[in-house]
């Protein structure tokens, strides 16, 4: 028994030494500030090409507002998304290349179909929690030029909308069983 306890203690000690101590996975303020600076630079570049959007400017502002509350990882995430959108917008505006038009249209159609399904589910009280967020994320992917990812996510959101509608319709006339009813 003593040997087992000793070996367990040695194993725990070895794991504690092997794992990094502190916040090695945490994003630091410097990283967040760098991501915001890169997003601002991409936004300025997109502005020069008349391709910048109000959306990305708001995203950069949101990322900056997260710094005082030490939400650095979220700030990096938002700033990176803004940078990607502005970079893609700049590339589209300056290259004149319309090679991605067909897949871009398919992605927009998938997003529109997802939004229609979400609204249908919401009309009967069956909208699922994450559907609107998935659609918003798909729109961000579309703006960043990640068309395939946007289509995939929009398709999942559309399915959630359809399932939410079906679920609400099936439960429309459902009633509590007699054993759940309150006592008179």
N, C-alpha and C. Protein backbone atom coordinates (compact mmCIF):
# COMPACT_ATOMS: atom_id res chain seq x y z
N UNK A 1 0.82 -1.19 0.00
CA UNK A 1 0.00 0.00 0.00
C UNK A 1 0.86 1.25 0.00
N UNK A 2 1.95 1.22 0.81
CA UNK A 2 2.85 2.37 0.86
C UNK A 2 3.53 2.60 -0.48
N UNK A 3 3.88 1.51 -1.14
CA UNK A 3 4.56 1.63 -2.43
C UNK A 3 3.60 2.22 -3.46
N UNK A 4 2.35 1.80 -3.40
CA UNK A 4 1.36 2.32 -4.34
C UNK A 4 1.15 3.82 -4.12
N UNK A 5 1.05 4.26 -2.88
CA UNK A 5 0.88 5.67 -2.57
C UNK A 5 2.11 6.46 -3.01
N UNK A 6 3.28 5.89 -2.78
CA UNK A 6 4.53 6.54 -3.17
C UNK A 6 4.62 6.68 -4.69
N UNK A 7 4.26 5.60 -5.39
CA UNK A 7 4.33 5.66 -6.85
C UNK A 7 3.29 6.62 -7.42
N UNK A 8 2.12 6.72 -6.78
CA UNK A 8 1.10 7.67 -7.22
C UNK A 8 1.59 9.10 -7.00
N UNK A 9 2.23 9.35 -5.89
CA UNK A 9 2.79 10.67 -5.60
C UNK A 9 3.87 11.04 -6.59
N UNK A 10 4.70 10.07 -6.96
CA UNK A 10 5.77 10.32 -7.93
C UNK A 10 5.16 10.63 -9.30
N UNK A 11 4.10 9.93 -9.65
CA UNK A 11 3.44 10.18 -10.93
C UNK A 11 2.84 11.59 -10.98
N UNK A 12 2.19 11.99 -9.91
CA UNK A 12 1.61 13.33 -9.84
C UNK A 12 2.70 14.39 -9.93
N UNK A 13 3.80 14.18 -9.22
CA UNK A 13 4.91 15.13 -9.25
C UNK A 13 5.50 15.22 -10.66
N UNK A 14 5.64 14.08 -11.33
CA UNK A 14 6.19 14.08 -12.69
C UNK A 14 5.27 14.83 -13.65
N UNK A 15 3.96 14.65 -13.49
CA UNK A 15 3.01 15.36 -14.36
C UNK A 15 3.05 16.86 -14.11
N UNK A 16 3.17 17.26 -12.85
CA UNK A 16 3.24 18.69 -12.55
C UNK A 16 4.48 19.32 -13.13
N UNK A 17 5.56 18.60 -13.15
CA UNK A 17 6.80 19.12 -13.72
C UNK A 17 6.71 19.16 -15.24
N UNK A 18 6.09 18.12 -15.81
CA UNK A 18 6.00 18.03 -17.26
C UNK A 18 5.07 19.08 -17.85
N UNK A 19 4.01 19.43 -17.13
CA UNK A 19 3.07 20.44 -17.62
C UNK A 19 3.62 21.83 -17.37
N UNK A 20 3.46 22.72 -18.31
CA UNK A 20 3.94 24.07 -18.10
C UNK A 20 3.18 24.74 -16.95
N UNK A 21 3.93 25.42 -16.14
CA UNK A 21 3.32 26.11 -15.01
C UNK A 21 3.00 27.53 -15.44
N UNK A 22 1.87 28.03 -14.98
CA UNK A 22 1.47 29.39 -15.31
C UNK A 22 0.46 29.38 -16.44
N UNK A 23 0.44 30.46 -17.16
CA UNK A 23 -0.57 30.61 -18.20
C UNK A 23 0.08 30.57 -19.58
N UNK A 24 0.72 29.47 -19.87
CA UNK A 24 1.41 29.31 -21.15
C UNK A 24 0.44 29.36 -22.32
N UNK A 25 -0.81 28.97 -22.10
CA UNK A 25 -1.78 28.95 -23.19
C UNK A 25 -2.52 30.28 -23.32
N UNK A 26 -2.40 31.12 -22.34
CA UNK A 26 -3.15 32.37 -22.34
C UNK A 26 -2.55 33.35 -23.35
N UNK A 27 -3.40 34.13 -23.93
CA UNK A 27 -2.97 35.19 -24.83
C UNK A 27 -2.63 36.41 -23.98
N UNK A 28 -1.54 37.06 -24.33
CA UNK A 28 -1.10 38.22 -23.57
C UNK A 28 -1.56 39.51 -24.25
N UNK A 29 -1.53 40.58 -23.51
CA UNK A 29 -1.97 41.88 -24.01
C UNK A 29 -1.18 42.28 -25.26
N UNK A 30 0.11 41.99 -25.26
CA UNK A 30 0.96 42.36 -26.40
C UNK A 30 0.45 41.69 -27.68
N UNK A 31 0.08 40.43 -27.57
CA UNK A 31 -0.45 39.71 -28.74
C UNK A 31 -1.75 40.34 -29.22
N UNK A 32 -2.59 40.71 -28.29
CA UNK A 32 -3.87 41.35 -28.65
C UNK A 32 -3.62 42.70 -29.32
N UNK A 33 -2.71 43.47 -28.77
CA UNK A 33 -2.39 44.77 -29.36
C UNK A 33 -1.81 44.62 -30.76
N UNK A 34 -0.96 43.59 -30.96
CA UNK A 34 -0.39 43.35 -32.29
C UNK A 34 -1.49 42.96 -33.29
N UNK A 35 -2.41 42.10 -32.86
CA UNK A 35 -3.50 41.69 -33.74
C UNK A 35 -4.37 42.89 -34.11
N UNK A 36 -4.61 43.77 -33.15
CA UNK A 36 -5.42 44.97 -33.42
C UNK A 36 -4.68 45.90 -34.37
N UNK A 37 -3.38 46.04 -34.17
CA UNK A 37 -2.58 46.89 -35.06
C UNK A 37 -2.60 46.34 -36.49
N UNK A 38 -2.49 45.04 -36.63
CA UNK A 38 -2.53 44.42 -37.96
C UNK A 38 -3.91 44.62 -38.60
N UNK A 39 -4.96 44.52 -37.79
CA UNK A 39 -6.31 44.73 -38.31
C UNK A 39 -6.49 46.17 -38.76
N UNK A 40 -5.95 47.12 -37.98
CA UNK A 40 -6.04 48.53 -38.36
C UNK A 40 -5.29 48.80 -39.66
N UNK A 41 -4.13 48.19 -39.82
CA UNK A 41 -3.34 48.37 -41.04
C UNK A 41 -4.10 47.81 -42.25
N UNK A 42 -4.69 46.64 -42.10
CA UNK A 42 -5.46 46.05 -43.19
C UNK A 42 -6.69 46.90 -43.51
N UNK A 43 -7.29 47.47 -42.46
CA UNK A 43 -8.46 48.32 -42.66
C UNK A 43 -8.07 49.60 -43.42
N UNK A 44 -6.94 50.18 -43.06
CA UNK A 44 -6.48 51.38 -43.76
C UNK A 44 -6.18 51.08 -45.23
N UNK A 45 -5.60 49.93 -45.48
CA UNK A 45 -5.28 49.52 -46.84
C UNK A 45 -6.58 49.32 -47.64
N UNK A 46 -7.56 48.69 -47.01
CA UNK A 46 -8.85 48.47 -47.68
C UNK A 46 -9.56 49.80 -47.92
N UNK A 47 -9.40 50.74 -46.99
CA UNK A 47 -10.01 52.06 -47.15
C UNK A 47 -9.44 52.77 -48.38
N UNK A 48 -8.13 52.64 -48.58
CA UNK A 48 -7.48 53.26 -49.74
C UNK A 48 -8.08 52.74 -51.04
N UNK A 49 -8.48 51.48 -51.04
CA UNK A 49 -9.05 50.87 -52.24
C UNK A 49 -10.58 50.98 -52.26
N UNK A 50 -11.13 51.78 -51.34
CA UNK A 50 -12.58 51.92 -51.20
C UNK A 50 -13.28 50.57 -51.01
N UNK A 51 -12.64 49.70 -50.24
CA UNK A 51 -13.20 48.36 -50.02
C UNK A 51 -13.46 48.08 -48.55
N UNK A 52 -13.15 49.03 -47.68
CA UNK A 52 -13.33 48.82 -46.25
C UNK A 52 -14.82 48.87 -45.90
N UNK A 53 -15.17 48.09 -44.90
CA UNK A 53 -16.58 48.09 -44.49
C UNK A 53 -16.71 48.61 -43.06
N UNK A 54 -17.88 49.11 -42.77
CA UNK A 54 -18.19 49.58 -41.42
C UNK A 54 -18.13 48.42 -40.43
N UNK A 55 -18.48 47.24 -40.93
CA UNK A 55 -18.44 46.02 -40.12
C UNK A 55 -17.06 45.79 -39.49
N UNK A 56 -16.04 45.87 -40.31
CA UNK A 56 -14.69 45.60 -39.79
C UNK A 56 -14.22 46.70 -38.85
N UNK A 57 -14.61 47.93 -39.12
CA UNK A 57 -14.25 49.03 -38.22
C UNK A 57 -14.87 48.79 -36.84
N UNK A 58 -16.11 48.34 -36.83
CA UNK A 58 -16.78 48.04 -35.56
C UNK A 58 -16.13 46.86 -34.86
N UNK A 59 -15.68 45.88 -35.64
CA UNK A 59 -15.00 44.72 -35.04
C UNK A 59 -13.70 45.15 -34.36
N UNK A 60 -12.97 46.05 -35.00
CA UNK A 60 -11.71 46.54 -34.42
C UNK A 60 -12.00 47.30 -33.14
N UNK A 61 -13.03 48.13 -33.16
CA UNK A 61 -13.42 48.86 -31.94
C UNK A 61 -13.79 47.91 -30.82
N UNK A 62 -14.54 46.86 -31.17
CA UNK A 62 -14.94 45.87 -30.16
C UNK A 62 -13.71 45.18 -29.57
N UNK A 63 -12.74 44.86 -30.41
CA UNK A 63 -11.52 44.21 -29.93
C UNK A 63 -10.76 45.15 -28.98
N UNK A 64 -10.71 46.43 -29.32
CA UNK A 64 -10.02 47.41 -28.46
C UNK A 64 -10.72 47.55 -27.11
N UNK A 65 -12.04 47.49 -27.12
CA UNK A 65 -12.80 47.63 -25.87
C UNK A 65 -12.63 46.43 -24.94
N UNK A 66 -12.16 45.32 -25.48
CA UNK A 66 -11.94 44.12 -24.66
C UNK A 66 -10.62 44.18 -23.88
N UNK A 67 -9.72 45.04 -24.28
CA UNK A 67 -8.40 45.09 -23.63
C UNK A 67 -8.46 45.44 -22.15
N UNK A 68 -9.23 46.46 -21.73
CA UNK A 68 -9.26 46.78 -20.30
C UNK A 68 -9.79 45.64 -19.42
N UNK A 69 -10.66 44.81 -19.98
CA UNK A 69 -11.20 43.70 -19.20
C UNK A 69 -10.36 42.43 -19.32
N UNK A 70 -9.21 42.55 -19.95
CA UNK A 70 -8.23 41.45 -20.09
C UNK A 70 -8.76 40.26 -20.88
N UNK A 71 -9.64 40.50 -21.80
CA UNK A 71 -10.16 39.44 -22.66
C UNK A 71 -9.32 39.40 -23.94
N UNK A 72 -8.05 39.10 -23.76
CA UNK A 72 -7.09 39.18 -24.85
C UNK A 72 -7.34 38.15 -25.95
N UNK A 73 -7.68 36.95 -25.58
CA UNK A 73 -7.91 35.90 -26.58
C UNK A 73 -9.08 36.27 -27.47
N UNK A 74 -10.16 36.76 -26.89
CA UNK A 74 -11.33 37.18 -27.67
C UNK A 74 -10.97 38.38 -28.55
N UNK A 75 -10.17 39.30 -28.02
CA UNK A 75 -9.74 40.47 -28.79
C UNK A 75 -8.93 40.04 -30.01
N UNK A 76 -8.04 39.08 -29.82
CA UNK A 76 -7.23 38.57 -30.94
C UNK A 76 -8.15 37.92 -31.98
N UNK A 77 -9.11 37.16 -31.52
CA UNK A 77 -10.03 36.47 -32.42
C UNK A 77 -10.81 37.47 -33.27
N UNK A 78 -11.33 38.50 -32.65
CA UNK A 78 -12.12 39.50 -33.37
C UNK A 78 -11.24 40.32 -34.31
N UNK A 79 -10.07 40.74 -33.83
CA UNK A 79 -9.16 41.53 -34.66
C UNK A 79 -8.68 40.72 -35.87
N UNK A 80 -8.43 39.44 -35.67
CA UNK A 80 -7.98 38.59 -36.77
C UNK A 80 -9.08 38.45 -37.82
N UNK A 81 -10.31 38.28 -37.37
CA UNK A 81 -11.43 38.18 -38.31
C UNK A 81 -11.57 39.48 -39.10
N UNK A 82 -11.43 40.62 -38.44
CA UNK A 82 -11.51 41.91 -39.13
C UNK A 82 -10.39 42.06 -40.15
N UNK A 83 -9.18 41.66 -39.75
CA UNK A 83 -8.03 41.74 -40.66
C UNK A 83 -8.26 40.88 -41.89
N UNK A 84 -8.75 39.66 -41.69
CA UNK A 84 -8.99 38.75 -42.81
C UNK A 84 -10.04 39.31 -43.76
N UNK A 85 -11.10 39.90 -43.21
CA UNK A 85 -12.15 40.46 -44.05
C UNK A 85 -11.64 41.64 -44.87
N UNK A 86 -10.89 42.52 -44.21
CA UNK A 86 -10.36 43.68 -44.94
C UNK A 86 -9.31 43.26 -45.97
N UNK A 87 -8.51 42.28 -45.64
CA UNK A 87 -7.50 41.80 -46.59
C UNK A 87 -8.17 41.21 -47.82
N UNK A 88 -9.20 40.42 -47.60
CA UNK A 88 -9.93 39.83 -48.72
C UNK A 88 -10.61 40.92 -49.55
N UNK A 89 -11.22 41.89 -48.87
CA UNK A 89 -11.89 42.98 -49.59
C UNK A 89 -10.89 43.77 -50.43
N UNK A 90 -9.72 44.02 -49.87
CA UNK A 90 -8.67 44.74 -50.60
C UNK A 90 -8.23 43.94 -51.83
N UNK A 91 -8.02 42.65 -51.63
CA UNK A 91 -7.59 41.78 -52.73
C UNK A 91 -8.63 41.76 -53.84
N UNK A 92 -9.88 41.65 -53.48
CA UNK A 92 -10.95 41.63 -54.47
C UNK A 92 -11.03 42.96 -55.22
N UNK A 93 -10.87 44.06 -54.47
CA UNK A 93 -11.00 45.38 -55.09
C UNK A 93 -9.84 45.70 -56.02
N UNK A 94 -8.66 45.25 -55.69
CA UNK A 94 -7.49 45.62 -56.49
C UNK A 94 -7.17 44.63 -57.60
N UNK A 95 -7.60 43.38 -57.46
CA UNK A 95 -7.22 42.39 -58.47
C UNK A 95 -8.19 42.37 -59.64
N UNK A 96 -9.44 42.72 -59.40
CA UNK A 96 -10.43 42.67 -60.47
C UNK A 96 -10.76 41.23 -60.87
N UNK A 97 -10.26 40.26 -60.11
CA UNK A 97 -10.50 38.85 -60.41
C UNK A 97 -11.89 38.46 -59.93
N UNK A 98 -12.68 37.89 -60.80
CA UNK A 98 -14.02 37.44 -60.43
C UNK A 98 -14.12 35.93 -60.51
N UNK A 99 -13.02 35.24 -60.38
CA UNK A 99 -12.99 33.79 -60.47
C UNK A 99 -13.78 33.10 -59.37
N UNK A 100 -13.91 33.76 -58.23
CA UNK A 100 -14.61 33.16 -57.10
C UNK A 100 -16.09 33.53 -57.07
N UNK A 101 -16.58 34.15 -58.12
CA UNK A 101 -17.95 34.63 -58.12
C UNK A 101 -18.96 33.51 -57.93
N UNK A 102 -18.78 32.40 -58.63
CA UNK A 102 -19.75 31.31 -58.56
C UNK A 102 -19.82 30.71 -57.15
N UNK A 103 -18.68 30.42 -56.56
CA UNK A 103 -18.68 29.82 -55.22
C UNK A 103 -19.13 30.83 -54.18
N UNK A 104 -18.82 32.10 -54.42
CA UNK A 104 -19.28 33.16 -53.53
C UNK A 104 -20.81 33.23 -53.55
N UNK A 105 -21.38 33.12 -54.73
CA UNK A 105 -22.84 33.14 -54.86
C UNK A 105 -23.47 31.92 -54.19
N UNK A 106 -22.81 30.77 -54.33
CA UNK A 106 -23.33 29.55 -53.67
C UNK A 106 -23.30 29.72 -52.15
N UNK A 107 -22.23 30.33 -51.65
CA UNK A 107 -22.14 30.56 -50.20
C UNK A 107 -23.24 31.51 -49.74
N UNK A 108 -23.48 32.58 -50.51
CA UNK A 108 -24.53 33.52 -50.16
C UNK A 108 -25.90 32.86 -50.21
N UNK A 109 -26.12 31.99 -51.18
CA UNK A 109 -27.39 31.27 -51.27
C UNK A 109 -27.57 30.34 -50.06
N UNK A 110 -26.48 29.69 -49.64
CA UNK A 110 -26.56 28.80 -48.47
C UNK A 110 -26.89 29.60 -47.21
N UNK A 111 -26.29 30.78 -47.09
CA UNK A 111 -26.56 31.65 -45.94
C UNK A 111 -28.01 32.13 -45.97
N UNK A 112 -28.48 32.52 -47.15
CA UNK A 112 -29.87 32.97 -47.28
C UNK A 112 -30.85 31.84 -46.93
N UNK A 113 -30.55 30.62 -47.37
CA UNK A 113 -31.41 29.48 -47.06
C UNK A 113 -31.41 29.20 -45.56
N UNK A 114 -30.26 29.34 -44.93
CA UNK A 114 -30.17 29.14 -43.48
C UNK A 114 -30.97 30.19 -42.74
N UNK A 115 -30.90 31.42 -43.19
CA UNK A 115 -31.64 32.51 -42.54
C UNK A 115 -33.15 32.30 -42.71
N UNK A 116 -33.56 31.82 -43.87
CA UNK A 116 -34.98 31.53 -44.11
C UNK A 116 -35.46 30.43 -43.17
N UNK A 117 -34.66 29.37 -43.04
CA UNK A 117 -35.03 28.26 -42.15
C UNK A 117 -35.06 28.72 -40.69
N UNK A 118 -34.13 29.59 -40.31
CA UNK A 118 -34.10 30.11 -38.94
C UNK A 118 -35.36 30.92 -38.65
N UNK A 119 -35.73 31.79 -39.59
CA UNK A 119 -36.93 32.61 -39.41
C UNK A 119 -38.19 31.76 -39.34
N UNK A 120 -38.24 30.71 -40.14
CA UNK A 120 -39.41 29.81 -40.12
C UNK A 120 -39.51 29.13 -38.75
N UNK A 121 -38.38 28.67 -38.22
CA UNK A 121 -38.37 28.03 -36.90
C UNK A 121 -38.76 29.05 -35.82
N UNK A 122 -38.25 30.26 -35.94
CA UNK A 122 -38.54 31.30 -34.94
C UNK A 122 -40.02 31.67 -34.96
N UNK A 123 -40.65 31.58 -36.12
CA UNK A 123 -42.06 31.95 -36.24
C UNK A 123 -42.98 31.03 -35.43
N UNK A 124 -42.51 29.84 -35.12
CA UNK A 124 -43.31 28.90 -34.32
C UNK A 124 -42.65 28.63 -32.97
N UNK A 125 -41.68 29.45 -32.60
CA UNK A 125 -41.01 29.31 -31.31
C UNK A 125 -40.04 28.15 -31.25
N UNK A 126 -39.48 27.76 -32.39
CA UNK A 126 -38.59 26.60 -32.42
C UNK A 126 -37.15 26.92 -32.79
N UNK A 127 -36.77 28.19 -32.74
CA UNK A 127 -35.39 28.53 -33.10
C UNK A 127 -34.43 27.99 -32.05
N UNK A 128 -33.41 27.32 -32.51
CA UNK A 128 -32.40 26.77 -31.61
C UNK A 128 -31.40 27.85 -31.22
N UNK A 129 -30.76 27.65 -30.09
CA UNK A 129 -29.89 28.65 -29.48
C UNK A 129 -28.76 29.14 -30.39
N UNK A 130 -28.07 28.27 -31.08
CA UNK A 130 -26.85 28.65 -31.80
C UNK A 130 -27.05 28.96 -33.28
N UNK A 131 -28.25 28.82 -33.79
CA UNK A 131 -28.48 28.96 -35.22
C UNK A 131 -28.10 30.35 -35.74
N UNK A 132 -28.55 31.39 -35.07
CA UNK A 132 -28.25 32.76 -35.52
C UNK A 132 -26.75 33.04 -35.46
N UNK A 133 -26.09 32.54 -34.42
CA UNK A 133 -24.63 32.72 -34.30
C UNK A 133 -23.90 32.01 -35.44
N UNK A 134 -24.38 30.83 -35.79
CA UNK A 134 -23.76 30.09 -36.89
C UNK A 134 -23.91 30.84 -38.21
N UNK A 135 -25.06 31.44 -38.42
CA UNK A 135 -25.29 32.20 -39.65
C UNK A 135 -24.39 33.43 -39.69
N UNK A 136 -24.26 34.11 -38.56
CA UNK A 136 -23.38 35.28 -38.49
C UNK A 136 -21.93 34.88 -38.76
N UNK A 137 -21.52 33.76 -38.21
CA UNK A 137 -20.15 33.28 -38.45
C UNK A 137 -19.95 32.91 -39.92
N UNK A 138 -20.96 32.31 -40.53
CA UNK A 138 -20.88 31.96 -41.95
C UNK A 138 -20.75 33.23 -42.80
N UNK A 139 -21.47 34.28 -42.42
CA UNK A 139 -21.36 35.55 -43.14
C UNK A 139 -19.95 36.12 -43.02
N UNK A 140 -19.35 36.00 -41.83
CA UNK A 140 -17.97 36.44 -41.63
C UNK A 140 -17.00 35.65 -42.49
N UNK A 141 -17.23 34.34 -42.58
CA UNK A 141 -16.37 33.50 -43.42
C UNK A 141 -16.51 33.89 -44.89
N UNK A 142 -17.73 34.19 -45.31
CA UNK A 142 -17.96 34.63 -46.69
C UNK A 142 -17.18 35.92 -46.97
N UNK A 143 -17.26 36.87 -46.04
CA UNK A 143 -16.57 38.14 -46.22
C UNK A 143 -15.05 37.97 -46.20
N UNK A 144 -14.58 36.89 -45.56
CA UNK A 144 -13.14 36.63 -45.50
C UNK A 144 -12.65 35.80 -46.68
N UNK A 145 -13.56 35.40 -47.55
CA UNK A 145 -13.17 34.62 -48.72
C UNK A 145 -13.09 33.13 -48.46
N UNK A 146 -13.56 32.68 -47.32
CA UNK A 146 -13.55 31.24 -47.00
C UNK A 146 -14.91 30.66 -47.38
N UNK A 147 -15.11 30.53 -48.67
CA UNK A 147 -16.42 30.18 -49.20
C UNK A 147 -16.87 28.78 -48.82
N UNK A 148 -15.99 27.81 -48.93
CA UNK A 148 -16.35 26.42 -48.61
C UNK A 148 -16.75 26.30 -47.14
N UNK A 149 -15.98 26.95 -46.26
CA UNK A 149 -16.30 26.91 -44.83
C UNK A 149 -17.64 27.60 -44.56
N UNK A 150 -17.89 28.69 -45.28
CA UNK A 150 -19.16 29.41 -45.12
C UNK A 150 -20.33 28.53 -45.55
N UNK A 151 -20.16 27.81 -46.65
CA UNK A 151 -21.22 26.92 -47.14
C UNK A 151 -21.48 25.81 -46.13
N UNK A 152 -20.41 25.22 -45.61
CA UNK A 152 -20.55 24.13 -44.65
C UNK A 152 -21.30 24.60 -43.40
N UNK A 153 -20.90 25.73 -42.86
CA UNK A 153 -21.52 26.24 -41.65
C UNK A 153 -22.96 26.67 -41.90
N UNK A 154 -23.21 27.30 -43.03
CA UNK A 154 -24.58 27.73 -43.36
C UNK A 154 -25.49 26.52 -43.56
N UNK A 155 -24.96 25.47 -44.12
CA UNK A 155 -25.75 24.25 -44.31
C UNK A 155 -26.14 23.65 -42.96
N UNK A 156 -25.20 23.66 -42.02
CA UNK A 156 -25.50 23.17 -40.66
C UNK A 156 -26.56 24.05 -39.99
N UNK A 157 -26.44 25.35 -40.17
CA UNK A 157 -27.41 26.28 -39.59
C UNK A 157 -28.79 26.07 -40.21
N UNK A 158 -28.82 25.84 -41.51
CA UNK A 158 -30.10 25.58 -42.18
C UNK A 158 -30.74 24.32 -41.62
N UNK A 159 -29.95 23.29 -41.42
CA UNK A 159 -30.47 22.03 -40.86
C UNK A 159 -31.01 22.26 -39.45
N UNK A 160 -30.31 23.07 -38.67
CA UNK A 160 -30.81 23.38 -37.33
C UNK A 160 -32.15 24.10 -37.40
N UNK A 161 -32.28 25.01 -38.34
CA UNK A 161 -33.55 25.72 -38.51
C UNK A 161 -34.67 24.78 -38.88
N UNK A 162 -34.39 23.86 -39.79
CA UNK A 162 -35.40 22.90 -40.21
C UNK A 162 -35.80 21.98 -39.05
N UNK A 163 -34.79 21.50 -38.32
CA UNK A 163 -35.07 20.62 -37.19
C UNK A 163 -35.82 21.36 -36.08
N UNK A 164 -35.48 22.62 -35.85
CA UNK A 164 -36.17 23.42 -34.85
C UNK A 164 -37.64 23.61 -35.19
N UNK A 165 -37.90 23.84 -36.47
CA UNK A 165 -39.29 23.98 -36.92
C UNK A 165 -40.06 22.67 -36.72
N UNK A 166 -39.44 21.57 -37.16
CA UNK A 166 -40.09 20.26 -37.02
C UNK A 166 -40.37 19.95 -35.55
N UNK A 167 -39.40 20.22 -34.70
CA UNK A 167 -39.55 19.94 -33.28
C UNK A 167 -40.70 20.77 -32.69
N UNK A 168 -40.75 22.04 -33.03
CA UNK A 168 -41.80 22.90 -32.50
C UNK A 168 -43.17 22.44 -32.98
N UNK A 169 -43.26 22.01 -34.23
CA UNK A 169 -44.55 21.56 -34.76
C UNK A 169 -44.99 20.25 -34.10
N UNK A 170 -44.04 19.38 -33.81
CA UNK A 170 -44.38 18.11 -33.16
C UNK A 170 -44.84 18.34 -31.72
N UNK A 171 -44.28 19.34 -31.09
CA UNK A 171 -44.60 19.61 -29.69
C UNK A 171 -45.73 20.63 -29.52
N UNK A 172 -46.28 21.09 -30.63
CA UNK A 172 -47.29 22.15 -30.61
C UNK A 172 -48.48 21.81 -29.71
N UNK A 173 -49.01 20.63 -29.87
CA UNK A 173 -50.19 20.26 -29.10
C UNK A 173 -49.86 19.34 -27.93
N UNK A 174 -48.60 19.25 -27.62
CA UNK A 174 -48.19 18.38 -26.51
C UNK A 174 -48.68 18.97 -25.20
N UNK A 175 -49.04 18.10 -24.29
CA UNK A 175 -49.52 18.53 -23.00
C UNK A 175 -48.75 17.78 -21.93
N UNK A 176 -48.74 18.31 -20.74
CA UNK A 176 -48.08 17.62 -19.65
C UNK A 176 -48.84 16.35 -19.29
N UNK A 177 -48.15 15.28 -18.98
CA UNK A 177 -48.84 14.08 -18.54
C UNK A 177 -49.54 14.34 -17.20
N UNK A 178 -50.54 13.52 -16.91
CA UNK A 178 -51.35 13.74 -15.71
C UNK A 178 -50.53 13.68 -14.43
N UNK A 179 -49.46 12.89 -14.40
CA UNK A 179 -48.67 12.78 -13.19
C UNK A 179 -47.81 14.02 -12.94
N UNK A 180 -47.67 14.90 -13.93
CA UNK A 180 -46.90 16.13 -13.75
C UNK A 180 -47.79 17.27 -13.27
N UNK A 181 -49.07 17.14 -13.56
CA UNK A 181 -50.01 18.21 -13.19
C UNK A 181 -49.97 18.48 -11.69
N UNK A 182 -50.14 19.74 -11.35
CA UNK A 182 -50.08 20.12 -9.95
C UNK A 182 -51.33 19.65 -9.20
N UNK A 183 -51.19 19.50 -7.91
CA UNK A 183 -52.31 19.06 -7.07
C UNK A 183 -53.29 20.21 -6.89
N UNK A 184 -54.61 19.89 -6.89
CA UNK A 184 -55.62 20.93 -6.74
C UNK A 184 -55.70 21.50 -5.34
